[in-house]
Amino acid sequence: MPVDLDSFPIRLFVKSQERAWAPTAIDYSHEASDWLALDDDERQLLLRLVSGFLVGERGVTHELAPLQQALRRRRGNMEAEMYVTAQMFEEARHVEFFQRWIDAALPGVLGRDIPYPELEGDMFSHRLPAVMEALSTDATEEAIVRAVTTYHMVIEGVNAEASYPIYFDLIEASKRFPALAAGIRLIRRDEARHIAFGTWLLQTLVERDPPLREVFEAEMESLRPYALGLGQIFEPFGDRLPFGLVASRYAELSNEHYAAQLRAIDERVLA
């Protein structure tokens, strides 16, 4: 069968090519001096934020392939398969960016000279691997709904979306880190396409089989603590956050994005 070049996944696939970018094209020359200009708490917060994103990007890069294979086994999903290949490339590019930023900014090797921040949670060590690996043996629509809900709707649609403003606020407050600002804006643009694809896929599956809505809602409810758990980034700092940040602002954003993702299946609007 011919590929439908007017389909939504292929339009996203084309956008991925038109808006391609390379981490090596970003100028990191100011990041090391900007890092040294921070105080200890500011460094700790920024390192917790960047390390969390690096762990997340590595996790989603590791775990996305089973979705492409599940779509392949169900047949008739060539357009969606093609887009997932573009998303896998983009996730790997995000890993590269964060690693290049860490290497350029930090005065030593993270994990050797500089300790890894203590960040707890089993989203990337258990929840995401389990739901994605399940697709290797279970390519049912129920399994796909659970995987896409975890990956696209919660990790990308809630956790990441509520975290980008932390970057922008601390960069604005410090007047530093132009490379980090450039990379985060490009990553957020990529992720908007990923979220749109996941939303489209869930809308398509639920429209074809309405009982799948209950699978989606149950998965969202089970993931609520992970979706609204952004506060651990700020745990070491008590009530006075570095850069003058206000934790409640990001908690509110998490709630807003979670509610928006719940509504997304009914609202035929895509990013």
C-alpha atoms as a PDB file:
ATOM      1  CA  MET A   1       0.000   0.000   0.000  1.00  0.00           C
ATOM      2  CA  PRO A   2       1.242   3.529  -0.751  1.00  0.00           C
ATOM      3  CA  VAL A   3       2.235   5.789   2.122  1.00  0.00           C
ATOM      4  CA  ASP A   4      -0.356   8.481   2.826  1.00  0.00           C
ATOM      5  CA  LEU A   5       1.766  11.610   2.515  1.00  0.00           C
ATOM      6  CA  ASP A   6      -1.104  13.788   3.781  1.00  0.00           C
ATOM      7  CA  SER A   7      -1.529  11.839   7.035  1.00  0.00           C
ATOM      8  CA  PHE A   8      -0.822  13.501  10.358  1.00  0.00           C
ATOM      9  CA  PRO A   9       2.197  11.298  11.239  1.00  0.00           C
ATOM     10  CA  ILE A  10       3.822  12.015   7.872  1.00  0.00           C
ATOM     11  CA  ARG A  11       3.261  15.748   8.290  1.00  0.00           C
ATOM     12  CA  LEU A  12       5.097  15.441  11.614  1.00  0.00           C
ATOM     13  CA  PHE A  13       7.773  13.333   9.916  1.00  0.00           C
ATOM     14  CA  VAL A  14       8.332  16.100   7.367  1.00  0.00           C
ATOM     15  CA  LYS A  15       8.492  18.741  10.109  1.00  0.00           C
ATOM     16  CA  SER A  16      11.162  16.658  11.852  1.00  0.00           C
ATOM     17  CA  GLN A  17      13.300  16.939   8.742  1.00  0.00           C
ATOM     18  CA  GLU A  18      12.575  20.605   8.078  1.00  0.00           C
ATOM     19  CA  ARG A  19      13.375  21.588  11.670  1.00  0.00           C
ATOM     20  CA  ALA A  20      16.415  19.384  12.150  1.00  0.00           C
ATOM     21  CA  TRP A  21      19.230  20.766  14.303  1.00  0.00           C
ATOM     22  CA  ALA A  22      22.606  19.577  15.543  1.00  0.00           C
ATOM     23  CA  PRO A  23      23.967  19.866  19.101  1.00  0.00           C
ATOM     24  CA  THR A  24      27.416  20.448  17.617  1.00  0.00           C
ATOM     25  CA  ALA A  25      26.169  23.687  16.007  1.00  0.00           C
ATOM     26  CA  ILE A  26      25.490  25.271  19.409  1.00  0.00           C
ATOM     27  CA  ASP A  27      28.165  27.511  20.958  1.00  0.00           C
ATOM     28  CA  TYR A  28      28.999  26.224  24.456  1.00  0.00           C
ATOM     29  CA  SER A  29      31.890  28.600  25.061  1.00  0.00           C
ATOM     30  CA  HIS A  30      30.136  30.679  27.759  1.00  0.00           C
ATOM     31  CA  GLU A  31      28.755  27.788  29.819  1.00  0.00           C
ATOM     32  CA  ALA A  32      31.850  26.980  31.913  1.00  0.00           C
ATOM     33  CA  SER A  33      32.381  30.554  33.097  1.00  0.00           C
ATOM     34  CA  ASP A  34      28.653  30.942  33.725  1.00  0.00           C
ATOM     35  CA  TRP A  35      28.705  27.778  35.845  1.00  0.00           C
ATOM     36  CA  LEU A  36      31.600  29.078  37.957  1.00  0.00           C
ATOM     37  CA  ALA A  37      29.732  32.353  38.539  1.00  0.00           C
ATOM     38  CA  LEU A  38      26.918  30.542  40.392  1.00  0.00           C
ATOM     39  CA  ASP A  39      26.802  29.961  44.122  1.00  0.00           C
ATOM     40  CA  ASP A  40      26.714  26.421  45.548  1.00  0.00           C
ATOM     41  CA  ASP A  41      22.920  26.173  45.842  1.00  0.00           C
ATOM     42  CA  GLU A  42      22.422  27.509  42.323  1.00  0.00           C
ATOM     43  CA  ARG A  43      24.844  24.933  40.970  1.00  0.00           C
ATOM     44  CA  GLN A  44      23.131  22.163  42.901  1.00  0.00           C
ATOM     45  CA  LEU A  45      19.682  23.073  41.584  1.00  0.00           C
ATOM     46  CA  LEU A  46      20.847  23.405  37.990  1.00  0.00           C
ATOM     47  CA  LEU A  47      22.739  20.110  38.205  1.00  0.00           C
ATOM     48  CA  ARG A  48      19.675  18.340  39.610  1.00  0.00           C
ATOM     49  CA  LEU A  49      17.571  19.716  36.767  1.00  0.00           C
ATOM     50  CA  VAL A  50      20.016  18.891  33.970  1.00  0.00           C
ATOM     51  CA  SER A  51      20.849  15.452  35.395  1.00  0.00           C
ATOM     52  CA  GLY A  52      17.167  14.620  35.672  1.00  0.00           C
ATOM     53  CA  PHE A  53      16.643  15.539  32.035  1.00  0.00           C
ATOM     54  CA  LEU A  54      19.682  13.535  30.937  1.00  0.00           C
ATOM     55  CA  VAL A  55      18.385  10.466  32.783  1.00  0.00           C
ATOM     56  CA  GLY A  56      14.963  11.026  31.226  1.00  0.00           C
ATOM     57  CA  GLU A  57      16.254  11.461  27.684  1.00  0.00           C
ATOM     58  CA  ARG A  58      18.449   8.379  28.018  1.00  0.00           C
ATOM     59  CA  GLY A  59      15.461   6.457  29.358  1.00  0.00           C
ATOM     60  CA  VAL A  60      13.080   7.374  26.573  1.00  0.00           C
ATOM     61  CA  THR A  61      15.776   6.723  23.955  1.00  0.00           C
ATOM     62  CA  HIS A  62      16.334   3.254  25.404  1.00  0.00           C
ATOM     63  CA  GLU A  63      12.646   2.374  25.541  1.00  0.00           C
ATOM     64  CA  LEU A  64      10.901   3.665  22.394  1.00  0.00           C
ATOM     65  CA  ALA A  65      11.802   0.909  19.898  1.00  0.00           C
ATOM     66  CA  PRO A  66       9.117  -1.593  21.079  1.00  0.00           C
ATOM     67  CA  LEU A  67       6.392   0.872  20.083  1.00  0.00           C
ATOM     68  CA  GLN A  68       7.661   0.945  16.511  1.00  0.00           C
ATOM     69  CA  GLN A  69       7.738  -2.860  16.467  1.00  0.00           C
ATOM     70  CA  ALA A  70       4.235  -3.128  17.948  1.00  0.00           C
ATOM     71  CA  LEU A  71       2.874  -0.826  15.246  1.00  0.00           C
ATOM     72  CA  ARG A  72       4.712  -2.945  12.675  1.00  0.00           C
ATOM     73  CA  ARG A  73       3.127  -6.176  13.912  1.00  0.00           C
ATOM     74  CA  ARG A  74      -0.375  -4.710  13.771  1.00  0.00           C
ATOM     75  CA  ARG A  75       0.022  -3.764  10.083  1.00  0.00           C
ATOM     76  CA  GLY A  76      -1.516  -0.767   8.377  1.00  0.00           C
ATOM     77  CA  ASN A  77       0.522   1.662  10.488  1.00  0.00           C
ATOM     78  CA  MET A  78       3.383   2.507   8.130  1.00  0.00           C
ATOM     79  CA  GLU A  79       2.946   6.262   8.570  1.00  0.00           C
ATOM     80  CA  ALA A  80       3.048   5.956  12.356  1.00  0.00           C
ATOM     81  CA  GLU A  81       6.048   3.621  12.126  1.00  0.00           C
ATOM     82  CA  MET A  82       7.895   6.199  10.046  1.00  0.00           C
ATOM     83  CA  TYR A  83       7.246   8.957  12.542  1.00  0.00           C
ATOM     84  CA  VAL A  84       8.416   6.838  15.490  1.00  0.00           C
ATOM     85  CA  THR A  85      11.754   6.338  13.717  1.00  0.00           C
ATOM     86  CA  ALA A  86      12.106  10.151  13.570  1.00  0.00           C
ATOM     87  CA  GLN A  87      11.222  10.435  17.250  1.00  0.00           C
ATOM     88  CA  MET A  88      13.850   7.845  18.205  1.00  0.00           C
ATOM     89  CA  PHE A  89      16.477   9.898  16.377  1.00  0.00           C
ATOM     90  CA  GLU A  90      15.365  13.077  18.125  1.00  0.00           C
ATOM     91  CA  GLU A  91      15.457  11.477  21.570  1.00  0.00           C
ATOM     92  CA  ALA A  92      19.045  10.350  20.906  1.00  0.00           C
ATOM     93  CA  ARG A  93      19.892  13.891  19.801  1.00  0.00           C
ATOM     94  CA  HIS A  94      18.604  15.206  23.124  1.00  0.00           C
ATOM     95  CA  VAL A  95      20.906  12.815  24.988  1.00  0.00           C
ATOM     96  CA  GLU A  96      23.796  14.145  22.931  1.00  0.00           C
ATOM     97  CA  PHE A  97      22.902  17.759  23.716  1.00  0.00           C
ATOM     98  CA  PHE A  98      22.729  17.290  27.478  1.00  0.00           C
ATOM     99  CA  GLN A  99      25.966  15.316  27.511  1.00  0.00           C
ATOM    100  CA  ARG A 100      27.730  17.994  25.467  1.00  0.00           C
ATOM    101  CA  TRP A 101      26.408  20.702  27.786  1.00  0.00           C
ATOM    102  CA  ILE A 102      27.563  18.838  30.901  1.00  0.00           C
ATOM    103  CA  ASP A 103      30.986  18.221  29.387  1.00  0.00           C
ATOM    104  CA  ALA A 104      31.335  21.885  28.411  1.00  0.00           C
ATOM    105  CA  ALA A 105      29.958  23.498  31.578  1.00  0.00           C
ATOM    106  CA  LEU A 106      31.147  21.386  34.503  1.00  0.00           C
ATOM    107  CA  PRO A 107      34.749  21.603  35.772  1.00  0.00           C
ATOM    108  CA  GLY A 108      35.171  17.840  35.890  1.00  0.00           C
ATOM    109  CA  VAL A 109      33.484  14.569  34.970  1.00  0.00           C
ATOM    110  CA  LEU A 110      29.988  14.033  36.335  1.00  0.00           C
ATOM    111  CA  GLY A 111      29.946  10.843  38.371  1.00  0.00           C
ATOM    112  CA  ARG A 112      33.699  10.902  38.946  1.00  0.00           C
ATOM    113  CA  ASP A 113      34.803  14.413  39.945  1.00  0.00           C
ATOM    114  CA  ILE A 114      31.304  15.705  40.616  1.00  0.00           C
ATOM    115  CA  PRO A 115      28.798  13.401  42.399  1.00  0.00           C
ATOM    116  CA  TYR A 116      25.541  12.559  40.710  1.00  0.00           C
ATOM    117  CA  PRO A 117      22.617  14.326  42.396  1.00  0.00           C
ATOM    118  CA  GLU A 118      20.426  12.117  44.550  1.00  0.00           C
ATOM    119  CA  LEU A 119      17.203  11.816  42.585  1.00  0.00           C
ATOM    120  CA  GLU A 120      14.742   9.106  43.550  1.00  0.00           C
ATOM    121  CA  GLY A 121      11.885   7.528  41.610  1.00  0.00           C
ATOM    122  CA  ASP A 122      11.261   4.477  39.499  1.00  0.00           C
ATOM    123  CA  MET A 123       9.667   5.974  36.396  1.00  0.00           C
ATOM    124  CA  PHE A 124      12.766   5.361  34.266  1.00  0.00           C
ATOM    125  CA  SER A 125      14.080   2.369  36.194  1.00  0.00           C
ATOM    126  CA  HIS A 126      10.800   0.444  36.318  1.00  0.00           C
ATOM    127  CA  ARG A 127       7.549   1.990  35.098  1.00  0.00           C
ATOM    128  CA  LEU A 128       8.586   3.077  31.615  1.00  0.00           C
ATOM    129  CA  PRO A 129      10.756   0.010  30.848  1.00  0.00           C
ATOM    130  CA  ALA A 130       7.982  -2.321  31.993  1.00  0.00           C
ATOM    131  CA  VAL A 131       5.192  -0.760  29.958  1.00  0.00           C
ATOM    132  CA  MET A 132       7.336  -0.420  26.834  1.00  0.00           C
ATOM    133  CA  GLU A 133       8.936  -3.869  27.063  1.00  0.00           C
ATOM    134  CA  ALA A 134       5.433  -5.350  27.384  1.00  0.00           C
ATOM    135  CA  LEU A 135       4.905  -4.336  23.745  1.00  0.00           C
ATOM    136  CA  SER A 136       7.548  -6.864  22.704  1.00  0.00           C
ATOM    137  CA  THR A 137       5.109  -9.684  23.487  1.00  0.00           C
ATOM    138  CA  ASP A 138       1.785  -7.849  23.597  1.00  0.00           C
ATOM    139  CA  ALA A 139       0.945  -5.648  20.615  1.00  0.00           C
ATOM    140  CA  THR A 140      -2.726  -5.244  21.535  1.00  0.00           C
ATOM    141  CA  GLU A 141      -4.279  -1.825  21.392  1.00  0.00           C
ATOM    142  CA  GLU A 142      -4.662  -1.883  25.184  1.00  0.00           C
ATOM    143  CA  ALA A 143      -0.902  -2.312  25.592  1.00  0.00           C
ATOM    144  CA  ILE A 144      -0.205   0.448  23.076  1.00  0.00           C
ATOM    145  CA  VAL A 145      -2.564   2.805  24.925  1.00  0.00           C
ATOM    146  CA  ARG A 146      -0.794   2.157  28.238  1.00  0.00           C
ATOM    147  CA  ALA A 147       2.639   2.676  26.674  1.00  0.00           C
ATOM    148  CA  VAL A 148       1.739   5.887  24.845  1.00  0.00           C
ATOM    149  CA  THR A 149      -0.034   7.269  27.908  1.00  0.00           C
ATOM    150  CA  THR A 150       3.100   6.723  30.003  1.00  0.00           C
ATOM    151  CA  TYR A 151       5.603   7.904  27.417  1.00  0.00           C
ATOM    152  CA  HIS A 152       3.945  10.693  25.454  1.00  0.00           C
ATOM    153  CA  MET A 153       1.244  11.977  27.765  1.00  0.00           C
ATOM    154  CA  VAL A 154       2.880  11.866  31.206  1.00  0.00           C
ATOM    155  CA  ILE A 155       6.666  11.907  30.727  1.00  0.00           C
ATOM    156  CA  GLU A 156       6.629  14.309  27.794  1.00  0.00           C
ATOM    157  CA  GLY A 157       3.247  15.996  28.152  1.00  0.00           C
ATOM    158  CA  VAL A 158       3.334  16.640  31.902  1.00  0.00           C
ATOM    159  CA  ASN A 159       6.794  16.135  33.435  1.00  0.00           C
ATOM    160  CA  ALA A 160       8.841  17.763  30.685  1.00  0.00           C
ATOM    161  CA  GLU A 161       6.350  20.492  29.838  1.00  0.00           C
ATOM    162  CA  ALA A 162       6.113  21.597  33.456  1.00  0.00           C
ATOM    163  CA  SER A 163       9.915  21.579  33.776  1.00  0.00           C
ATOM    164  CA  TYR A 164      10.873  23.746  30.800  1.00  0.00           C
ATOM    165  CA  PRO A 165       9.751  26.925  32.592  1.00  0.00           C
ATOM    166  CA  ILE A 166      12.214  26.130  35.416  1.00  0.00           C
ATOM    167  CA  TYR A 167      15.022  26.367  32.863  1.00  0.00           C
ATOM    168  CA  PHE A 168      13.689  29.556  31.351  1.00  0.00           C
ATOM    169  CA  ASP A 169      13.127  31.195  34.739  1.00  0.00           C
ATOM    170  CA  LEU A 170      16.582  30.396  36.091  1.00  0.00           C
ATOM    171  CA  ILE A 171      18.256  31.421  32.818  1.00  0.00           C
ATOM    172  CA  GLU A 172      16.365  34.708  32.882  1.00  0.00           C
ATOM    173  CA  ALA A 173      17.188  35.262  36.555  1.00  0.00           C
ATOM    174  CA  SER A 174      20.900  34.552  36.095  1.00  0.00           C
ATOM    175  CA  LYS A 175      21.304  36.170  32.646  1.00  0.00           C
ATOM    176  CA  ARG A 176      23.577  33.238  31.787  1.00  0.00           C
ATOM    177  CA  PHE A 177      23.773  29.946  29.858  1.00  0.00           C
ATOM    178  CA  PRO A 178      22.959  30.863  26.236  1.00  0.00           C
ATOM    179  CA  ALA A 179      23.789  27.354  25.012  1.00  0.00           C
ATOM    180  CA  LEU A 180      21.460  25.752  27.535  1.00  0.00           C
ATOM    181  CA  ALA A 181      18.696  28.173  26.574  1.00  0.00           C
ATOM    182  CA  ALA A 182      19.158  27.410  22.857  1.00  0.00           C
ATOM    183  CA  GLY A 183      19.144  23.653  23.390  1.00  0.00           C
ATOM    184  CA  ILE A 184      16.090  23.625  25.649  1.00  0.00           C
ATOM    185  CA  ARG A 185      14.085  25.662  23.134  1.00  0.00           C
ATOM    186  CA  LEU A 186      14.984  23.230  20.343  1.00  0.00           C
ATOM    187  CA  ILE A 187      14.250  20.190  22.492  1.00  0.00           C
ATOM    188  CA  ARG A 188      10.886  21.615  23.498  1.00  0.00           C
ATOM    189  CA  ARG A 189      10.044  22.121  19.818  1.00  0.00           C
ATOM    190  CA  ASP A 190      10.878  18.475  19.103  1.00  0.00           C
ATOM    191  CA  GLU A 191       8.859  17.298  22.086  1.00  0.00           C
ATOM    192  CA  ALA A 192       5.799  19.248  20.946  1.00  0.00           C
ATOM    193  CA  ARG A 193       5.724  16.989  17.874  1.00  0.00           C
ATOM    194  CA  HIS A 194       6.153  13.895  20.043  1.00  0.00           C
ATOM    195  CA  ILE A 195       3.237  14.880  22.267  1.00  0.00           C
ATOM    196  CA  ALA A 196       1.101  15.673  19.231  1.00  0.00           C
ATOM    197  CA  PHE A 197       1.843  12.238  17.768  1.00  0.00           C
ATOM    198  CA  GLY A 198       0.971  10.453  21.014  1.00  0.00           C
ATOM    199  CA  THR A 199      -2.240  12.453  21.323  1.00  0.00           C
ATOM    200  CA  TRP A 200      -3.193  11.673  17.720  1.00  0.00           C
ATOM    201  CA  LEU A 201      -2.487   7.957  18.189  1.00  0.00           C
ATOM    202  CA  LEU A 202      -4.577   7.746  21.360  1.00  0.00           C
ATOM    203  CA  GLN A 203      -7.410   9.733  19.781  1.00  0.00           C
ATOM    204  CA  THR A 204      -7.364   7.389  16.786  1.00  0.00           C
ATOM    205  CA  LEU A 205      -7.395   4.236  18.909  1.00  0.00           C
ATOM    206  CA  VAL A 206     -10.133   5.461  21.252  1.00  0.00           C
ATOM    207  CA  GLU A 207     -12.298   6.666  18.365  1.00  0.00           C
ATOM    208  CA  ARG A 208     -12.054   3.214  16.796  1.00  0.00           C
ATOM    209  CA  ASP A 209     -12.611   1.358  20.082  1.00  0.00           C
ATOM    210  CA  PRO A 210     -14.295   3.583  22.738  1.00  0.00           C
ATOM    211  CA  PRO A 211     -13.687   1.197  25.699  1.00  0.00           C
ATOM    212  CA  LEU A 212      -9.991   2.029  25.337  1.00  0.00           C
ATOM    213  CA  ARG A 213     -10.811   5.360  26.979  1.00  0.00           C
ATOM    214  CA  GLU A 214     -11.062   3.484  30.282  1.00  0.00           C
ATOM    215  CA  VAL A 215      -7.582   2.003  29.738  1.00  0.00           C
ATOM    216  CA  PHE A 216      -6.209   5.490  29.102  1.00  0.00           C
ATOM    217  CA  GLU A 217      -7.923   6.997  32.145  1.00  0.00           C
ATOM    218  CA  ALA A 218      -6.816   4.145  34.406  1.00  0.00           C
ATOM    219  CA  GLU A 219      -3.206   4.525  33.270  1.00  0.00           C
ATOM    220  CA  MET A 220      -3.320   8.291  33.806  1.00  0.00           C
ATOM    221  CA  GLU A 221      -4.670   7.764  37.321  1.00  0.00           C
ATOM    222  CA  SER A 222      -1.985   5.200  38.166  1.00  0.00           C
ATOM    223  CA  LEU A 223       0.666   7.655  36.980  1.00  0.00           C
ATOM    224  CA  ARG A 224      -0.725  10.652  38.851  1.00  0.00           C
ATOM    225  CA  PRO A 225       1.970  10.549  41.602  1.00  0.00           C
ATOM    226  CA  TYR A 226       4.707  10.521  38.932  1.00  0.00           C
ATOM    227  CA  ALA A 227       3.037  13.232  36.887  1.00  0.00           C
ATOM    228  CA  LEU A 228       2.738  15.557  39.883  1.00  0.00           C
ATOM    229  CA  GLY A 229       6.058  14.645  41.527  1.00  0.00           C
ATOM    230  CA  LEU A 230       8.162  17.496  40.156  1.00  0.00           C
ATOM    231  CA  GLY A 231       8.840  18.878  43.623  1.00  0.00           C
ATOM    232  CA  GLN A 232      11.706  16.493  44.376  1.00  0.00           C
ATOM    233  CA  ILE A 233      14.001  18.708  42.300  1.00  0.00           C
ATOM    234  CA  PHE A 234      13.567  21.379  44.993  1.00  0.00           C
ATOM    235  CA  GLU A 235      13.711  19.133  48.087  1.00  0.00           C
ATOM    236  CA  PRO A 236      17.196  20.130  49.358  1.00  0.00           C
ATOM    237  CA  PHE A 237      16.378  23.834  49.447  1.00  0.00           C
ATOM    238  CA  GLY A 238      13.398  24.187  51.782  1.00  0.00           C
ATOM    239  CA  ASP A 239      11.313  27.321  51.288  1.00  0.00           C
ATOM    240  CA  ARG A 240      14.088  29.464  49.776  1.00  0.00           C
ATOM    241  CA  LEU A 241      14.868  28.287  46.268  1.00  0.00           C
ATOM    242  CA  PRO A 242      17.929  29.402  44.290  1.00  0.00           C
ATOM    243  CA  PHE A 243      17.427  31.981  41.526  1.00  0.00           C
ATOM    244  CA  GLY A 244      14.344  33.264  43.352  1.00  0.00           C
ATOM    245  CA  LEU A 245      12.216  30.444  41.943  1.00  0.00           C
ATOM    246  CA  VAL A 246       8.796  29.698  43.446  1.00  0.00           C
ATOM    247  CA  ALA A 247       8.042  25.972  43.719  1.00  0.00           C
ATOM    248  CA  SER A 248       4.269  26.419  43.759  1.00  0.00           C
ATOM    249  CA  ARG A 249       4.399  27.859  40.237  1.00  0.00           C
ATOM    250  CA  TYR A 250       5.725  24.589  38.832  1.00  0.00           C
ATOM    251  CA  ALA A 251       3.366  22.479  40.928  1.00  0.00           C
ATOM    252  CA  GLU A 252       0.478  24.428  39.415  1.00  0.00           C
ATOM    253  CA  LEU A 253       1.893  23.903  35.936  1.00  0.00           C
ATOM    254  CA  SER A 254       2.118  20.145  36.565  1.00  0.00           C
ATOM    255  CA  ASN A 255      -1.545  20.073  37.565  1.00  0.00           C
ATOM    256  CA  GLU A 256      -2.531  22.135  34.547  1.00  0.00           C
ATOM    257  CA  HIS A 257      -0.640  19.921  32.110  1.00  0.00           C
ATOM    258  CA  TYR A 258      -2.005  16.749  33.734  1.00  0.00           C
ATOM    259  CA  ALA A 259      -5.568  18.030  33.374  1.00  0.00           C
ATOM    260  CA  ALA A 260      -4.888  19.070  29.775  1.00  0.00           C
ATOM    261  CA  GLN A 261      -3.596  15.605  28.892  1.00  0.00           C
ATOM    262  CA  LEU A 262      -6.711  14.032  30.382  1.00  0.00           C
ATOM    263  CA  ARG A 263      -8.848  16.284  28.193  1.00  0.00           C
ATOM    264  CA  ALA A 264      -6.741  15.764  25.081  1.00  0.00           C
ATOM    265  CA  ILE A 265      -8.466  12.574  23.970  1.00  0.00           C
ATOM    266  CA  ASP A 266     -11.793  14.403  23.677  1.00  0.00           C
ATOM    267  CA  GLU A 267     -10.445  17.697  22.345  1.00  0.00           C
ATOM    268  CA  ARG A 268      -9.502  17.104  18.728  1.00  0.00           C
ATOM    269  CA  VAL A 269      -6.710  19.636  18.963  1.00  0.00           C
ATOM    270  CA  LEU A 270      -3.070  18.731  18.332  1.00  0.00           C
ATOM    271  CA  ALA A 271       0.101  20.728  18.966  1.00  0.00           C
END
